[in-house]
Amino acid sequence: MPIWIQVVIALGILATTAVALIVFQRQLDRPGGRRGLGAIHDGLGNTIDVFNPGHARADRELRRHHDAGPVSRIPDDEDDDPLVILTHPDGSPRAARFRRR
């Protein structure tokens, strides 16, 4: 086989690999793109704790905030008076707080 055919095949393989890596990296950059990597990510994901623990803690905290969900009111809040007068220690009024029901 001539050398120029071998060079063309090698360049084709390199170009295909480069395009595949670029597409894969862009897919990972999407929101939630790294969560679906499965067992390999679970097994190798803990190495970030060793090499960059600050990033690992921040990532866990962001994930915890994302998964927390909305805050709901507790039943005791329903009985609050919509008008509250805040006073100074001597008893004189200093502010009023209005709440919407």
Protein backbone atom coordinates (compact mmCIF):
# COMPACT_ATOMS: atom_id res chain seq x y z
CA MET A 1 0.00 0.00 0.00
CA PRO A 2 1.45 3.39 -0.93
CA ILE A 3 2.55 5.70 1.84
CA TRP A 4 0.16 8.50 0.85
CA ILE A 5 -2.87 6.22 1.41
CA GLN A 6 -1.56 5.34 4.87
CA VAL A 7 -1.15 9.06 5.65
CA VAL A 8 -4.70 9.83 4.45
CA ILE A 9 -6.11 7.00 6.59
CA ALA A 10 -4.15 8.16 9.65
CA LEU A 11 -5.29 11.78 9.16
CA GLY A 12 -8.90 10.58 8.76
CA ILE A 13 -8.71 8.64 12.01
CA LEU A 14 -7.20 11.65 13.83
CA ALA A 15 -9.84 14.02 12.44
CA THR A 16 -12.68 11.67 13.40
CA THR A 17 -11.29 11.32 16.92
CA ALA A 18 -10.92 15.10 17.29
CA VAL A 19 -14.51 15.73 16.14
CA ALA A 20 -15.85 13.03 18.47
CA LEU A 21 -13.97 14.54 21.44
CA ILE A 22 -15.26 18.04 20.66
CA VAL A 23 -18.86 16.82 20.42
CA PHE A 24 -18.51 14.82 23.64
CA GLN A 25 -17.01 17.78 25.53
CA ARG A 26 -19.80 20.11 24.39
CA GLN A 27 -22.36 17.55 25.56
CA LEU A 28 -20.69 17.49 28.99
CA ASP A 29 -20.77 21.30 29.24
CA ARG A 30 -24.57 21.37 29.14
CA PRO A 31 -26.41 21.70 32.48
CA GLY A 32 -26.53 18.28 34.11
CA GLY A 33 -24.33 16.79 31.39
CA ARG A 34 -21.90 15.15 33.79
CA ARG A 35 -24.53 13.53 36.00
CA GLY A 36 -25.39 10.77 33.56
CA LEU A 37 -21.92 9.28 33.19
CA GLY A 38 -22.77 6.23 35.30
CA ALA A 39 -20.47 3.89 37.16
CA ILE A 40 -17.22 5.20 35.71
CA HIS A 41 -18.04 8.69 36.95
CA ASP A 42 -18.97 7.29 40.37
CA GLY A 43 -15.73 5.33 40.60
CA LEU A 44 -13.39 8.02 39.34
CA GLY A 45 -15.36 11.04 40.56
CA ASN A 46 -13.94 10.80 44.07
CA THR A 47 -10.42 11.57 42.84
CA ILE A 48 -11.46 15.25 42.70
CA ASP A 49 -11.68 15.13 46.52
CA VAL A 50 -7.98 14.33 46.65
CA PHE A 51 -6.65 16.79 44.08
CA ASN A 52 -9.09 19.70 44.52
CA PRO A 53 -11.15 19.35 47.72
CA GLY A 54 -12.45 22.93 47.62
CA HIS A 55 -14.02 22.35 44.22
CA ALA A 56 -15.53 19.06 45.38
CA ARG A 57 -17.11 20.70 48.44
CA ALA A 58 -18.49 23.55 46.33
CA ASP A 59 -19.91 21.10 43.79
CA ARG A 60 -21.63 19.09 46.54
CA GLU A 61 -23.07 22.28 48.05
CA LEU A 62 -24.39 23.49 44.68
CA ARG A 63 -25.97 20.08 44.06
CA ARG A 64 -27.55 20.18 47.55
CA HIS A 65 -29.03 23.63 46.85
CA HIS A 66 -30.29 22.49 43.45
CA ASP A 67 -31.99 19.41 44.91
CA ALA A 68 -33.46 21.23 47.93
CA GLY A 69 -36.63 22.39 46.20
CA PRO A 70 -38.88 25.30 47.09
CA VAL A 71 -39.42 26.48 50.65
CA SER A 72 -42.96 26.03 51.90
CA ARG A 73 -44.71 27.85 54.68
CA ILE A 74 -45.31 26.13 57.98
CA PRO A 75 -48.83 26.08 59.48
CA ASP A 76 -47.85 28.47 62.30
CA ASP A 77 -47.21 31.22 59.73
CA GLU A 78 -50.87 31.20 58.66
CA ASP A 79 -52.06 32.56 62.03
CA ASP A 80 -49.73 35.57 62.04
CA ASP A 81 -51.28 39.00 62.22
CA PRO A 82 -50.76 40.90 58.93
CA LEU A 83 -49.74 44.02 60.90
CA VAL A 84 -46.88 43.83 63.41
CA ILE A 85 -45.62 46.87 65.36
CA LEU A 86 -41.94 46.66 66.28
CA THR A 87 -40.89 48.61 69.36
CA HIS A 88 -37.72 49.90 70.99
CA PRO A 89 -36.66 48.43 74.37
CA ASP A 90 -38.29 51.42 76.11
CA GLY A 91 -41.65 50.58 74.51
CA SER A 92 -41.85 53.33 71.91
CA PRO A 93 -42.78 52.19 68.38
CA ARG A 94 -40.01 52.11 65.82
CA ALA A 95 -41.45 50.31 62.76
CA ALA A 96 -44.48 48.51 61.37
CA ARG A 97 -44.34 45.30 59.33
CA PHE A 98 -47.13 44.43 56.91
CA ARG A 99 -47.55 40.88 55.60
CA ARG A 100 -49.63 39.78 52.69
CA ARG A 101 -51.75 36.68 53.23
